[in-house]
């Protein structure tokens, strides 16, 4: 897989989650957690959905960049974001706030941690 394809995969996955969180946060969170979502949680979910729209735009645009330093800068930021996402979702999974489907979020973040880490450190060209 190329960095371009990793950016595009990230954009598509972020767009799907963004749409779900913006339009139907109770449904999406209901699939991932056995706990009910209150009004504040729904608003925060929608805010996270809005942030995922930003991730979608950044990753899709980065997939079209030809400037290597710019692509590395974006990949570095997304690596940090993915590491934090993996830690936070793992923490929630082990605390019992996520259902078994919550593991899909951890796996998704770890794929991006490994992908961006690979392109930044093992294949820096």
Protein backbone atom coordinates (compact mmCIF):
# COMPACT_ATOMS: atom_id res chain seq x y z
CA UNK A 1 0.00 0.00 0.00
CA UNK A 2 1.24 3.48 -0.78
CA UNK A 3 0.99 6.54 1.43
CA UNK A 4 -1.50 7.95 -1.09
CA UNK A 5 -3.76 4.93 -0.59
CA UNK A 6 -3.36 5.11 3.20
CA UNK A 7 -4.46 8.75 3.12
CA UNK A 8 -7.46 7.81 0.96
CA UNK A 9 -8.43 4.90 3.22
CA UNK A 10 -8.22 7.23 6.22
CA UNK A 11 -10.37 9.81 4.40
CA UNK A 12 -13.06 7.26 3.54
CA UNK A 13 -13.20 5.77 7.03
CA UNK A 14 -13.27 9.23 8.63
CA UNK A 15 -16.07 10.31 6.29
CA UNK A 16 -18.20 7.28 7.18
CA UNK A 17 -17.76 7.84 10.92
CA UNK A 18 -18.30 11.59 10.52
CA UNK A 19 -21.58 11.04 8.72
CA UNK A 20 -22.76 8.61 11.37
CA UNK A 21 -21.80 10.88 14.25
CA UNK A 22 -23.29 14.00 12.68
CA UNK A 23 -26.56 12.45 11.52
CA UNK A 24 -27.25 9.65 14.00
CA UNK A 25 -24.92 9.73 17.01
CA UNK A 26 -27.27 7.63 19.16
CA UNK A 27 -27.32 4.86 16.57
CA UNK A 28 -23.56 4.78 15.97
CA UNK A 29 -22.60 5.02 19.63
CA UNK A 30 -25.32 2.46 20.41
CA UNK A 31 -23.50 0.00 18.14
CA UNK A 32 -20.17 0.64 19.86
CA UNK A 33 -21.23 0.92 23.50
CA UNK A 34 -23.78 -0.68 25.81
CA UNK A 35 -24.10 2.61 27.70
CA UNK A 36 -26.84 5.11 26.83
CA UNK A 37 -25.87 8.38 25.17
CA UNK A 38 -27.23 11.48 26.90
CA UNK A 39 -27.77 14.92 25.32
CA UNK A 40 -24.27 16.19 26.21
CA UNK A 41 -22.70 13.00 24.86
CA UNK A 42 -24.67 13.38 21.62
CA UNK A 43 -23.45 16.97 21.22
CA UNK A 44 -19.84 15.93 21.88
CA UNK A 45 -20.27 13.06 19.40
CA UNK A 46 -21.45 15.55 16.78
CA UNK A 47 -18.44 17.77 17.54
CA UNK A 48 -16.17 14.76 17.03
CA UNK A 49 -18.03 14.09 13.79
CA UNK A 50 -17.23 17.65 12.70
CA UNK A 51 -13.56 17.04 13.56
CA UNK A 52 -13.67 13.89 11.44
CA UNK A 53 -14.89 16.00 8.51
CA UNK A 54 -11.65 17.96 8.96
CA UNK A 55 -9.65 14.70 8.98
CA UNK A 56 -11.49 13.68 5.80
CA UNK A 57 -10.55 16.89 3.99
CA UNK A 58 -6.94 16.84 5.20
CA UNK A 59 -6.32 13.22 4.29
CA UNK A 60 -8.02 13.43 0.90
CA UNK A 61 -6.10 16.57 -0.03
CA UNK A 62 -2.85 15.05 1.27
CA UNK A 63 -3.37 12.07 -1.01
CA UNK A 64 -3.08 14.46 -3.96
CA UNK A 65 0.00 16.34 -2.75
CA UNK A 66 3.23 15.93 -4.69
CA UNK A 67 5.38 17.81 -2.15
CA UNK A 68 7.13 15.16 -0.06
CA UNK A 69 7.81 17.34 3.03
CA UNK A 70 4.15 18.40 3.12
CA UNK A 71 2.98 14.77 2.91
CA UNK A 72 5.38 13.82 5.73
CA UNK A 73 4.11 16.69 7.86
CA UNK A 74 0.49 15.57 7.41
CA UNK A 75 1.43 11.94 8.07
CA UNK A 76 3.24 12.98 11.26
CA UNK A 77 0.20 14.81 12.56
CA UNK A 78 -2.05 11.89 11.67
CA UNK A 79 0.35 9.49 13.41
CA UNK A 80 0.03 11.46 16.65
CA UNK A 81 -3.76 11.61 16.25
CA UNK A 82 -3.91 7.85 15.59
CA UNK A 83 -1.70 7.01 18.59
CA UNK A 84 -3.92 9.10 20.87
CA UNK A 85 -7.05 7.56 19.35
CA UNK A 86 -5.72 4.03 19.89
CA UNK A 87 -4.83 4.80 23.53
CA UNK A 88 -8.17 6.44 24.29
CA UNK A 89 -10.25 3.71 22.65
CA UNK A 90 -8.19 0.94 24.30
CA UNK A 91 -8.66 2.67 27.65
CA UNK A 92 -12.42 2.77 27.08
CA UNK A 93 -12.48 -0.84 25.91
CA UNK A 94 -10.66 -2.09 29.00
CA UNK A 95 -12.83 0.10 31.26
CA UNK A 96 -15.93 -1.57 29.83
CA UNK A 97 -17.48 1.48 28.16
CA UNK A 98 -17.25 -0.11 24.70
CA UNK A 99 -18.95 -3.27 23.47
CA UNK A 100 -17.16 -6.00 21.56
CA UNK A 101 -17.62 -3.90 18.40
CA UNK A 102 -15.48 -1.24 20.07
CA UNK A 103 -12.45 -3.34 19.17
CA UNK A 104 -13.01 -2.26 15.56
CA UNK A 105 -12.08 1.30 16.54
CA UNK A 106 -8.89 0.11 18.21
CA UNK A 107 -7.97 -1.98 15.18
CA UNK A 108 -8.68 0.96 12.84
CA UNK A 109 -6.47 3.29 14.83
CA UNK A 110 -3.70 0.69 15.04
CA UNK A 111 -3.76 0.18 11.27
CA UNK A 112 -3.14 3.90 10.84
CA UNK A 113 -0.47 3.95 13.57
CA UNK A 114 1.38 1.15 11.79
CA UNK A 115 0.82 2.66 8.35
CA UNK A 116 1.93 6.19 9.17
CA UNK A 117 4.76 4.87 11.34
CA UNK A 118 5.97 2.72 8.45
CA UNK A 119 5.94 5.58 5.95
CA UNK A 120 7.57 8.00 8.39
CA UNK A 121 10.26 5.77 9.92
CA UNK A 122 10.82 2.59 7.92
CA UNK A 123 10.25 3.96 4.41
CA UNK A 124 10.97 7.68 4.76
CA UNK A 125 11.64 8.26 1.02
